[in-house]
């Protein structure tokens, strides 16, 4: 499995390729900001589980970090199933730690509005190694009303979830390159009928809403794949309730939105997922399945397809997969109905993952010193890839050949587009997709690209709605309940929780945003 495969949305949004940046050797010679004035231990809260060999890697890293900056790094790993809630509790309880992974799909907006995050707007320029790795375009795209609340973790321009399927099985079953959803679905059903012991697709408990919606496409939302410039989605932080916006109306200055269960594509996705659950196309335990478990089962050959992002890391699963199935191969599928070059999907270009600094229990200078230190190639490579010669080795083109199953969630601490190494295992299919995802010109910028809804006016309703979504919508995401009867329960509970208030406030803020953009 990739050092980055556990990317929950895993998640980036802007800037550069995953190749090796020019002149990185000089980066290691750049003096670091205001180093030497901090001490102690920088505690980082990270998702997933500690990599194999982590204690050895951390000890080696801390020896150099202590020498360079006078402090050490400690990490707390929290499994994906519990990460969102436990990380939020650490912030609200005033726990002592420096950094954590946050994102709009987690609790970042809520934490920013509650003054739990340190303002990093004027910090980046103080740290030359970090500044070198973060383009001005990247910073500007991830600033909220001119303020930077986290360090974006990126390695491509566009972020599109998609399917990574077993190409060896597709070839065996007579499928050539899959470009449309109907063919992909036929592949799933052929696997079910003809490959004993293999479940067509693995879903995990952290996927939830991504299975039905996204900007631009929900994984099992066929309508959204066929119309990838049609809809933008947003939620109030902490509510769990996604609204679907009509992008064409927004381009004309008008806000048209509906709660997710009123959207045609989402309704179709709910019905498909229910059918997939009943037919055994997806695993029956998806609602409670830990992401790491599903990934390990995929690399053990138990699934014929897995969730992926256009971040150039899906092929790394071949390292473990080929230990189980020597002739295994992977293909990246984005079922738009034709070549990816024929579409320009909607994007916001905001980073999915950001490293934030704890305003109430962390040390900003120490956190930024660590980020600067991790922006030097040798330090980045040590944490990201492990011990050179044991866990990995460099290829002649500056890429990486993995030698072990070392897997660090780099997207949660140290992704730098100019430092990420391309895997020697990257398939031709992923090379094509990843190259396409690097170019902003291949995508359509949403009219709501920098819109961040403020939950403050509807905080109570948002909290009540979150309970509703957890109880009534989550089962729909995984197909474990009848769609029609569950939708009735969901709508009734949403009405009682304040759906009208949330919708009205979302419309108000979205209208204000569009008007401000015209000025």
Protein backbone atom coordinates (compact mmCIF):
# COMPACT_ATOMS: atom_id res chain seq x y z
CA UNK A 1 0.00 0.00 0.00
CA UNK A 2 1.20 3.51 -0.81
CA UNK A 3 2.69 5.81 1.73
CA UNK A 4 -0.20 8.07 0.71
CA UNK A 5 -2.97 5.63 -0.17
CA UNK A 6 -4.78 6.15 3.12
CA UNK A 7 -5.38 9.72 2.02
CA UNK A 8 -8.95 10.03 3.13
CA UNK A 9 -9.68 12.44 0.69
CA UNK A 10 -7.09 11.78 1.43
CA UNK A 11 -6.81 14.79 0.05
CA UNK A 12 -4.71 17.79 -1.84
CA UNK A 13 -5.61 20.46 -4.27
CA UNK A 14 -3.07 22.54 -5.90
CA UNK A 15 0.31 22.95 -7.43
CA UNK A 16 2.98 21.01 -9.21
CA UNK A 17 3.86 17.42 -10.03
CA UNK A 18 4.87 14.57 -7.80
CA UNK A 19 8.32 14.54 -9.32
CA UNK A 20 11.47 15.84 -7.74
CA UNK A 21 11.76 19.63 -7.66
CA UNK A 22 14.63 21.53 -9.24
CA UNK A 23 17.42 22.66 -6.97
CA UNK A 24 16.27 20.76 -3.92
CA UNK A 25 19.83 20.04 -2.94
CA UNK A 26 20.19 23.73 -2.16
CA UNK A 27 17.13 23.63 0.09
CA UNK A 28 19.04 21.63 2.65
CA UNK A 29 21.56 24.46 2.91
CA UNK A 30 19.00 27.18 3.60
CA UNK A 31 19.06 28.41 7.20
CA UNK A 32 15.74 27.84 8.89
CA UNK A 33 13.67 30.79 10.04
CA UNK A 34 14.04 31.36 13.75
CA UNK A 35 15.28 27.92 14.76
CA UNK A 36 17.00 27.33 18.04
CA UNK A 37 14.51 29.27 20.19
CA UNK A 38 12.12 26.39 20.83
CA UNK A 39 12.52 23.15 22.75
CA UNK A 40 10.56 20.21 24.06
CA UNK A 41 8.47 17.90 21.87
CA UNK A 42 6.25 18.73 18.93
CA UNK A 43 3.21 16.49 19.17
CA UNK A 44 1.45 15.73 15.86
CA UNK A 45 -2.01 14.15 15.68
CA UNK A 46 -2.25 11.89 12.62
CA UNK A 47 -4.84 9.56 11.08
CA UNK A 48 -4.34 5.84 10.39
CA UNK A 49 -1.82 3.61 12.12
CA UNK A 50 1.92 3.88 12.70
CA UNK A 51 4.03 2.49 9.86
CA UNK A 52 6.10 -0.61 10.26
CA UNK A 53 9.60 0.35 11.37
CA UNK A 54 8.23 3.67 12.68
CA UNK A 55 10.15 3.68 15.95
CA UNK A 56 13.45 3.26 14.08
CA UNK A 57 12.56 5.99 11.60
CA UNK A 58 11.40 8.37 14.32
CA UNK A 59 14.55 7.83 16.38
CA UNK A 60 16.74 8.66 13.40
CA UNK A 61 14.64 11.71 12.55
CA UNK A 62 14.68 13.00 16.12
CA UNK A 63 18.45 12.74 16.34
CA UNK A 64 18.75 15.17 13.44
CA UNK A 65 15.79 17.33 14.47
CA UNK A 66 17.24 17.77 17.96
CA UNK A 67 20.55 18.79 16.45
CA UNK A 68 18.99 21.24 13.98
CA UNK A 69 16.24 22.78 16.10
CA UNK A 70 16.56 21.66 19.71
CA UNK A 71 13.30 19.71 19.94
CA UNK A 72 11.89 16.32 18.95
CA UNK A 73 8.81 14.98 17.20
CA UNK A 74 6.21 12.69 18.74
CA UNK A 75 3.15 11.35 16.92
CA UNK A 76 -0.22 10.05 17.99
CA UNK A 77 -1.96 7.92 15.39
CA UNK A 78 -5.77 7.60 15.51
CA UNK A 79 -7.58 5.19 13.24
CA UNK A 80 -9.71 6.74 10.53
CA UNK A 81 -12.98 5.55 11.99
CA UNK A 82 -12.41 7.68 15.11
CA UNK A 83 -10.08 10.39 13.85
CA UNK A 84 -12.59 13.15 13.12
CA UNK A 85 -14.33 13.03 16.48
CA UNK A 86 -11.23 12.39 18.60
CA UNK A 87 -9.22 15.14 16.92
CA UNK A 88 -12.10 17.57 17.45
CA UNK A 89 -12.30 16.63 21.13
CA UNK A 90 -8.59 17.25 21.58
CA UNK A 91 -8.98 20.79 20.25
CA UNK A 92 -12.07 21.58 22.31
CA UNK A 93 -10.60 20.06 25.48
CA UNK A 94 -7.48 22.21 25.29
CA UNK A 95 -5.12 19.26 24.86
CA UNK A 96 -1.41 19.96 24.47
CA UNK A 97 -0.26 19.25 20.92
CA UNK A 98 1.16 21.34 18.08
CA UNK A 99 -0.37 20.11 14.83
CA UNK A 100 -3.10 17.94 13.38
CA UNK A 101 -4.60 17.05 10.03
CA UNK A 102 -7.72 19.09 9.36
CA UNK A 103 -9.92 19.79 6.33
CA UNK A 104 -13.31 21.09 5.32
CA UNK A 105 -14.47 17.48 5.15
CA UNK A 106 -13.43 17.16 8.79
CA UNK A 107 -13.95 20.01 11.30
CA UNK A 108 -11.67 22.77 10.08
CA UNK A 109 -14.31 25.45 9.52
CA UNK A 110 -15.81 24.77 12.93
CA UNK A 111 -12.40 24.94 14.61
CA UNK A 112 -11.49 28.16 12.84
CA UNK A 113 -14.76 29.80 13.83
CA UNK A 114 -14.25 28.74 17.45
CA UNK A 115 -10.74 30.28 17.47
CA UNK A 116 -9.05 26.91 17.95
CA UNK A 117 -6.63 27.34 15.03
CA UNK A 118 -3.57 29.57 14.90
CA UNK A 119 -3.51 32.21 12.16
CA UNK A 120 -0.58 31.34 9.87
CA UNK A 121 -1.05 34.21 7.41
CA UNK A 122 2.20 35.97 8.35
CA UNK A 123 4.19 32.87 9.32
CA UNK A 124 5.19 31.22 6.04
CA UNK A 125 7.60 33.98 4.96
CA UNK A 126 9.64 33.41 8.12
CA UNK A 127 10.59 29.87 7.08
CA UNK A 128 12.59 29.74 3.82
CA UNK A 129 12.52 25.99 3.18
CA UNK A 130 8.77 25.84 3.68
CA UNK A 131 8.17 28.98 1.65
CA UNK A 132 10.15 27.52 -1.26
CA UNK A 133 7.77 24.55 -1.41
CA UNK A 134 4.50 26.52 -1.22
CA UNK A 135 3.64 28.54 -4.32
CA UNK A 136 1.86 31.87 -3.93
CA UNK A 137 -0.95 30.46 -6.04
CA UNK A 138 -1.35 27.61 -3.59
CA UNK A 139 -1.43 29.93 -0.59
CA UNK A 140 -3.94 32.28 -2.22
CA UNK A 141 -6.27 29.45 -3.21
CA UNK A 142 -6.39 28.18 0.36
CA UNK A 143 -6.76 31.50 2.18
CA UNK A 144 -10.15 32.23 3.74
CA UNK A 145 -10.94 35.92 3.33
CA UNK A 146 -7.23 36.57 3.09
CA UNK A 147 -6.31 34.49 6.15
CA UNK A 148 -4.34 31.23 6.10
CA UNK A 149 -5.44 28.73 8.75
CA UNK A 150 -3.48 25.68 7.65
CA UNK A 151 -0.58 24.54 5.50
CA UNK A 152 -2.02 22.88 2.36
CA UNK A 153 -0.81 19.36 1.63
CA UNK A 154 -0.85 18.86 -2.13
CA UNK A 155 0.71 17.15 -5.12
CA UNK A 156 -1.63 17.92 -8.03
CA UNK A 157 -3.86 20.67 -9.37
CA UNK A 158 -7.11 18.70 -9.37
CA UNK A 159 -8.61 16.35 -6.82
CA UNK A 160 -10.93 13.75 -8.24
CA UNK A 161 -11.98 10.57 -6.51
CA UNK A 162 -12.36 7.59 -8.81
CA UNK A 163 -12.06 3.82 -9.12
CA UNK A 164 -8.84 1.82 -9.10
CA UNK A 165 -9.66 -1.61 -10.49
CA UNK A 166 -7.83 -4.88 -11.01
CA UNK A 167 -6.73 -4.63 -14.66
CA UNK A 168 -5.60 -8.25 -14.65
CA UNK A 169 -9.16 -9.31 -13.84
CA UNK A 170 -10.62 -6.86 -16.37
CA UNK A 171 -8.37 -8.30 -19.08
CA UNK A 172 -9.27 -11.84 -18.07
CA UNK A 173 -12.99 -11.01 -18.27
CA UNK A 174 -12.66 -9.38 -21.70
CA UNK A 175 -12.77 -5.68 -20.79
CA UNK A 176 -10.56 -3.19 -22.58
CA UNK A 177 -10.10 0.35 -21.22
CA UNK A 178 -13.22 1.24 -19.21
CA UNK A 179 -14.46 4.79 -19.86
CA UNK A 180 -18.15 4.80 -18.94
CA UNK A 181 -20.17 3.86 -15.87
CA UNK A 182 -22.31 1.17 -17.52
CA UNK A 183 -19.20 -0.76 -18.57
CA UNK A 184 -17.69 -0.34 -15.13
CA UNK A 185 -20.86 -1.70 -13.56
CA UNK A 186 -20.79 -4.70 -15.92
CA UNK A 187 -17.21 -5.36 -14.83
CA UNK A 188 -18.36 -5.43 -11.20
CA UNK A 189 -21.13 -7.90 -11.93
CA UNK A 190 -18.89 -10.12 -14.05
CA UNK A 191 -16.39 -10.27 -11.20
CA UNK A 192 -19.17 -11.26 -8.82
CA UNK A 193 -20.38 -14.03 -11.12
CA UNK A 194 -17.05 -15.42 -12.28
CA UNK A 195 -14.39 -14.73 -9.63
CA UNK A 196 -15.08 -16.80 -6.54
CA UNK A 197 -13.99 -15.24 -3.27
CA UNK A 198 -13.54 -11.74 -4.75
CA UNK A 199 -15.89 -8.88 -3.84
CA UNK A 200 -16.11 -6.40 -6.73
CA UNK A 201 -15.54 -3.23 -4.69
CA UNK A 202 -14.46 -2.42 -1.14
CA UNK A 203 -16.04 0.46 0.78
CA UNK A 204 -14.93 1.74 4.20
CA UNK A 205 -16.63 3.60 7.03
CA UNK A 206 -14.80 6.86 6.33
CA UNK A 207 -16.19 7.24 2.79
CA UNK A 208 -19.80 8.15 3.75
CA UNK A 209 -21.05 11.05 1.59
CA UNK A 210 -18.28 10.60 -1.01
CA UNK A 211 -20.06 7.51 -2.24
CA UNK A 212 -22.97 9.64 -3.47
CA UNK A 213 -21.75 13.20 -4.07
CA UNK A 214 -18.76 15.43 -4.56
CA UNK A 215 -17.38 18.29 -6.60
CA UNK A 216 -17.75 17.11 -9.28
CA UNK A 217 -18.68 13.42 -8.85
CA UNK A 218 -19.92 11.01 -6.20
CA UNK A 219 -18.33 7.60 -6.56
CA UNK A 220 -21.55 5.69 -7.33
CA UNK A 221 -23.43 8.71 -8.66
CA UNK A 222 -23.70 7.89 -12.36
CA UNK A 223 -25.48 11.16 -13.17
CA UNK A 224 -22.57 13.16 -11.74
CA UNK A 225 -20.05 11.25 -13.84
CA UNK A 226 -22.08 12.02 -16.94
CA UNK A 227 -22.46 15.70 -15.94
CA UNK A 228 -19.16 16.68 -14.25
CA UNK A 229 -19.65 20.46 -14.48
CA UNK A 230 -23.21 20.53 -13.17
CA UNK A 231 -23.01 20.62 -9.38
CA UNK A 232 -21.00 22.05 -6.50
CA UNK A 233 -21.55 20.77 -2.95
CA UNK A 234 -21.10 22.44 0.44
CA UNK A 235 -22.06 21.98 4.07
CA UNK A 236 -22.04 23.88 7.32
CA UNK A 237 -19.16 22.58 9.43
CA UNK A 238 -20.32 20.00 11.93
CA UNK A 239 -23.73 19.50 10.30
CA UNK A 240 -23.02 16.52 8.05
CA UNK A 241 -25.71 17.86 5.70
CA UNK A 242 -24.54 18.53 2.17
CA UNK A 243 -26.34 20.94 -0.12
CA UNK A 244 -26.07 20.52 -3.89
CA UNK A 245 -25.73 23.78 -5.84
CA UNK A 246 -26.68 24.32 -9.48
CA UNK A 247 -23.39 25.49 -10.97
CA UNK A 248 -24.94 26.91 -14.14
CA UNK A 249 -27.32 29.07 -12.10
CA UNK A 250 -24.38 30.32 -10.02
CA UNK A 251 -22.51 31.37 -13.15
CA UNK A 252 -25.47 33.64 -13.82
CA UNK A 253 -25.36 35.05 -10.30
CA UNK A 254 -28.28 32.99 -8.94
CA UNK A 255 -28.19 30.55 -6.03
CA UNK A 256 -30.16 27.35 -6.51
CA UNK A 257 -29.55 24.61 -3.98
CA UNK A 258 -31.23 21.53 -2.54
CA UNK A 259 -30.40 19.21 0.36
CA UNK A 260 -28.61 16.15 -0.97
CA UNK A 261 -31.64 13.85 -0.84
CA UNK A 262 -33.50 16.08 -3.31
CA UNK A 263 -30.78 15.85 -5.94
CA UNK A 264 -31.46 13.53 -8.88
CA UNK A 265 -27.98 12.07 -8.97
CA UNK A 266 -27.81 11.42 -5.23
CA UNK A 267 -31.18 9.66 -5.24
CA UNK A 268 -29.98 7.46 -8.09
CA UNK A 269 -26.78 6.71 -6.17
CA UNK A 270 -28.72 5.68 -3.04
CA UNK A 271 -30.68 3.19 -5.14
CA UNK A 272 -27.57 1.84 -6.86
CA UNK A 273 -25.74 1.35 -3.58
CA UNK A 274 -28.72 -0.45 -2.10
CA UNK A 275 -28.72 -2.79 -5.09
CA UNK A 276 -24.95 -3.28 -4.84
CA UNK A 277 -25.31 -4.17 -1.17
CA UNK A 278 -28.04 -6.70 -1.90
CA UNK A 279 -26.15 -8.20 -4.85
CA UNK A 280 -22.83 -8.45 -3.03
CA UNK A 281 -21.09 -5.92 -5.30
CA UNK A 282 -19.83 -4.05 -2.22
CA UNK A 283 -18.85 -5.48 1.15
CA UNK A 284 -21.71 -5.83 3.61
CA UNK A 285 -19.68 -4.42 6.53
CA UNK A 286 -18.79 -1.10 4.86
CA UNK A 287 -20.66 1.01 7.41
CA UNK A 288 -18.25 -0.13 10.13
CA UNK A 289 -15.19 -1.27 8.15
CA UNK A 290 -11.94 0.52 8.99
CA UNK A 291 -10.22 2.00 5.94
CA UNK A 292 -6.88 0.35 6.70
CA UNK A 293 -8.60 -3.04 6.88
CA UNK A 294 -10.30 -2.58 3.52
CA UNK A 295 -7.01 -1.46 1.95
CA UNK A 296 -5.16 -4.48 3.32
CA UNK A 297 -7.89 -6.79 2.02
CA UNK A 298 -7.65 -5.14 -1.39
CA UNK A 299 -3.90 -5.76 -1.52
CA UNK A 300 -4.57 -9.34 -0.41
CA UNK A 301 -6.74 -9.83 -3.51
CA UNK A 302 -10.10 -9.84 -1.73
CA UNK A 303 -11.51 -6.92 -3.76
CA UNK A 304 -11.52 -6.16 -7.48
CA UNK A 305 -11.73 -2.40 -7.01
CA UNK A 306 -10.82 0.30 -4.52
CA UNK A 307 -11.32 4.03 -3.92
CA UNK A 308 -8.58 6.24 -5.34
CA UNK A 309 -7.60 9.87 -5.87
CA UNK A 310 -5.80 11.54 -8.76
CA UNK A 311 -2.71 12.01 -6.60
CA UNK A 312 -0.36 9.55 -8.29
CA UNK A 313 -0.31 7.06 -5.43
CA UNK A 314 -2.87 4.38 -6.33
CA UNK A 315 -0.31 2.22 -8.15
CA UNK A 316 1.76 1.87 -4.98
CA UNK A 317 -0.77 -0.73 -3.83
CA UNK A 318 0.90 -3.07 -6.35
CA UNK A 319 3.82 -3.53 -3.96
CA UNK A 320 1.69 -5.51 -1.52
CA UNK A 321 -0.85 -6.76 -4.09
CA UNK A 322 1.78 -8.55 -6.17
CA UNK A 323 3.01 -10.37 -3.10
CA UNK A 324 -0.42 -11.99 -2.99
CA UNK A 325 -1.08 -12.12 -6.75
CA UNK A 326 2.17 -11.92 -8.77
CA UNK A 327 0.47 -11.04 -12.09
CA UNK A 328 -1.83 -8.37 -10.62
CA UNK A 329 -2.18 -5.02 -12.36
CA UNK A 330 -4.25 -1.88 -11.80
CA UNK A 331 -6.20 0.52 -13.98
CA UNK A 332 -7.55 3.94 -12.99
CA UNK A 333 -11.16 4.48 -14.09
CA UNK A 334 -12.90 7.87 -14.28
CA UNK A 335 -16.15 6.92 -16.05
CA UNK A 336 -17.02 10.21 -17.75
CA UNK A 337 -18.17 8.39 -20.88
CA UNK A 338 -15.06 9.01 -22.97
CA UNK A 339 -11.44 10.03 -22.76
CA UNK A 340 -10.60 12.22 -19.78
CA UNK A 341 -9.19 14.77 -22.22
CA UNK A 342 -12.71 15.28 -23.58
CA UNK A 343 -14.11 16.71 -20.32
CA UNK A 344 -13.27 19.62 -18.01
CA UNK A 345 -14.65 18.60 -14.61
CA UNK A 346 -15.56 21.15 -11.96
CA UNK A 347 -12.93 21.99 -9.32
CA UNK A 348 -12.43 24.48 -6.49
CA UNK A 349 -8.64 24.00 -6.30
CA UNK A 350 -8.79 24.07 -2.51
CA UNK A 351 -6.58 21.60 -0.67
CA UNK A 352 -8.44 18.67 0.82
CA UNK A 353 -5.83 18.23 3.54
CA UNK A 354 -4.17 20.90 5.67
CA UNK A 355 -1.82 20.81 8.63
CA UNK A 356 -3.23 23.15 11.26
CA UNK A 357 -1.63 24.50 14.43
CA UNK A 358 -3.40 24.26 17.78
CA UNK A 359 -3.99 27.84 18.94
CA UNK A 360 -4.72 26.99 22.57
CA UNK A 361 -2.38 24.13 23.38
CA UNK A 362 0.38 24.27 20.78
CA UNK A 363 3.53 26.18 19.96
CA UNK A 364 3.32 28.00 16.61
CA UNK A 365 7.05 28.57 16.24
CA UNK A 366 7.89 24.93 16.98
CA UNK A 367 5.16 23.72 14.62
CA UNK A 368 6.47 25.91 11.79
CA UNK A 369 10.06 24.92 12.53
CA UNK A 370 9.02 21.30 12.05
CA UNK A 371 7.22 22.12 8.82
CA UNK A 372 10.31 23.95 7.58
CA UNK A 373 12.55 21.01 8.54
CA UNK A 374 10.24 18.62 6.70
CA UNK A 375 10.56 20.80 3.60
CA UNK A 376 14.18 19.70 3.18
CA UNK A 377 14.48 16.70 0.87
CA UNK A 378 16.49 14.35 3.09
CA UNK A 379 14.23 14.96 6.10
CA UNK A 380 11.05 14.70 4.06
CA UNK A 381 12.19 11.43 2.49
CA UNK A 382 13.09 9.90 5.84
CA UNK A 383 9.63 10.46 7.36
CA UNK A 384 7.66 9.91 4.16
CA UNK A 385 9.41 6.82 2.83
CA UNK A 386 11.41 5.37 5.72
CA UNK A 387 15.03 4.22 5.86
CA UNK A 388 16.76 4.47 2.50
CA UNK A 389 18.14 1.11 1.45
CA UNK A 390 15.78 -0.75 3.77
CA UNK A 391 12.33 0.70 3.05
CA UNK A 392 13.04 2.33 -0.30
CA UNK A 393 15.64 3.22 -2.88
CA UNK A 394 15.81 6.04 -5.40
CA UNK A 395 15.39 5.29 -9.09
CA UNK A 396 17.50 6.79 -11.84
CA UNK A 397 14.79 9.32 -12.71
CA UNK A 398 14.45 10.57 -9.11
CA UNK A 399 11.50 8.35 -8.30
CA UNK A 400 11.15 5.69 -5.64
CA UNK A 401 11.18 1.91 -5.51
CA UNK A 402 9.55 0.59 -2.36
CA UNK A 403 11.36 -2.23 -0.63
CA UNK A 404 9.05 -2.72 2.36
CA UNK A 405 5.47 -2.11 3.44
CA UNK A 406 6.41 1.10 5.26
CA UNK A 407 3.39 3.40 4.89
CA UNK A 408 3.30 6.89 6.39
CA UNK A 409 0.28 9.23 5.93
CA UNK A 410 2.37 12.00 4.40
CA UNK A 411 -0.73 13.93 3.32
CA UNK A 412 -1.33 14.65 7.03
CA UNK A 413 2.05 16.21 7.81
CA UNK A 414 4.52 16.78 4.98
CA UNK A 415 3.22 16.59 1.42
CA UNK A 416 5.18 18.99 -0.76
CA UNK A 417 4.49 18.85 -4.49
CA UNK A 418 8.13 19.46 -5.35
CA UNK A 419 9.40 16.70 -3.04
CA UNK A 420 6.99 13.84 -3.68
CA UNK A 421 8.69 11.01 -5.55
CA UNK A 422 6.90 9.08 -8.28
CA UNK A 423 6.63 5.37 -7.58
CA UNK A 424 8.50 3.02 -9.86
CA UNK A 425 5.31 0.97 -9.78
CA UNK A 426 3.14 3.72 -11.31
CA UNK A 427 1.09 2.15 -14.07
CA UNK A 428 0.69 3.65 -17.54
CA UNK A 429 -2.97 4.21 -16.67
CA UNK A 430 -2.13 6.24 -13.60
CA UNK A 431 0.64 8.15 -15.35
CA UNK A 432 -1.94 9.34 -17.87
CA UNK A 433 -4.46 10.34 -15.17
CA UNK A 434 -1.87 11.98 -12.95
CA UNK A 435 -0.39 14.04 -15.79
CA UNK A 436 -3.90 15.21 -16.71
CA UNK A 437 -4.60 16.20 -13.10
CA UNK A 438 -1.55 18.51 -12.99
CA UNK A 439 -2.88 21.05 -15.48
CA UNK A 440 -5.37 23.68 -14.29
CA UNK A 441 -6.46 24.20 -17.88
CA UNK A 442 -8.03 20.73 -17.88
CA UNK A 443 -10.66 21.77 -15.33
CA UNK A 444 -13.52 24.21 -14.83
CA UNK A 445 -13.21 26.49 -11.81
CA UNK A 446 -16.41 26.56 -9.73
CA UNK A 447 -18.25 29.82 -9.19
CA UNK A 448 -18.07 28.89 -5.48
CA UNK A 449 -14.34 28.10 -5.50
CA UNK A 450 -13.48 29.98 -2.28
CA UNK A 451 -16.88 29.87 -0.58
CA UNK A 452 -16.62 28.78 3.08
CA UNK A 453 -20.01 28.73 4.85
CA UNK A 454 -19.99 30.18 8.37
CA UNK A 455 -21.81 27.87 10.79
CA UNK A 456 -22.00 30.45 13.59
CA UNK A 457 -25.57 31.69 12.90
CA UNK A 458 -26.92 28.13 12.77
CA UNK A 459 -24.57 26.32 15.13
CA UNK A 460 -27.30 24.68 17.19
CA UNK A 461 -29.24 23.47 14.16
CA UNK A 462 -26.01 22.17 12.61
CA UNK A 463 -25.22 20.12 15.71
CA UNK A 464 -28.72 18.64 15.73
CA UNK A 465 -28.50 17.88 12.03
CA UNK A 466 -25.24 16.03 12.49
CA UNK A 467 -27.00 13.52 14.74
CA UNK A 468 -29.72 13.12 12.12
CA UNK A 469 -27.22 12.46 9.33
CA UNK A 470 -25.31 9.93 11.42
CA UNK A 471 -28.46 8.03 12.36
CA UNK A 472 -30.45 8.21 9.13
CA UNK A 473 -28.17 9.12 6.21
CA UNK A 474 -25.11 6.99 6.95
CA UNK A 475 -27.04 3.73 6.47
CA UNK A 476 -28.14 5.03 3.05
CA UNK A 477 -24.54 5.69 2.04
CA UNK A 478 -23.78 1.97 2.48
CA UNK A 479 -27.04 0.45 1.21
CA UNK A 480 -27.93 -1.35 4.43
CA UNK A 481 -31.54 -0.09 4.54
CA UNK A 482 -34.50 0.28 2.18
CA UNK A 483 -34.09 3.60 0.37
CA UNK A 484 -37.66 4.91 0.32
CA UNK A 485 -38.57 4.16 3.91
CA UNK A 486 -35.21 5.45 5.18
CA UNK A 487 -35.56 8.66 3.18
CA UNK A 488 -38.93 9.26 4.83
CA UNK A 489 -37.31 8.92 8.25
CA UNK A 490 -34.39 11.12 7.22
CA UNK A 491 -36.60 13.93 5.91
CA UNK A 492 -38.86 13.86 8.96
CA UNK A 493 -35.89 14.00 11.33
CA UNK A 494 -34.22 16.73 9.26
CA UNK A 495 -37.36 18.87 9.41
CA UNK A 496 -37.37 18.59 13.18
CA UNK A 497 -33.66 19.41 13.40
CA UNK A 498 -33.99 22.67 11.49
CA UNK A 499 -33.42 21.95 7.79
CA UNK A 500 -35.33 25.10 6.77
CA UNK A 501 -33.07 27.29 8.92
CA UNK A 502 -29.92 25.68 7.52
CA UNK A 503 -31.14 25.99 3.95
CA UNK A 504 -32.15 29.61 4.34
CA UNK A 505 -28.82 30.56 5.91
CA UNK A 506 -26.85 28.69 3.25
CA UNK A 507 -28.74 30.53 0.51
CA UNK A 508 -28.13 33.86 2.26
CA UNK A 509 -24.40 33.32 2.58
CA UNK A 510 -24.04 31.92 -0.94
CA UNK A 511 -25.85 34.92 -2.40
CA UNK A 512 -23.61 37.29 -0.46
CA UNK A 513 -20.56 35.42 -1.73
CA UNK A 514 -21.62 35.63 -5.37
CA UNK A 515 -22.36 39.35 -5.05
CA UNK A 516 -18.96 39.96 -3.47
CA UNK A 517 -17.26 38.11 -6.32
CA UNK A 518 -18.70 40.57 -8.83
CA UNK A 519 -17.15 43.58 -7.13
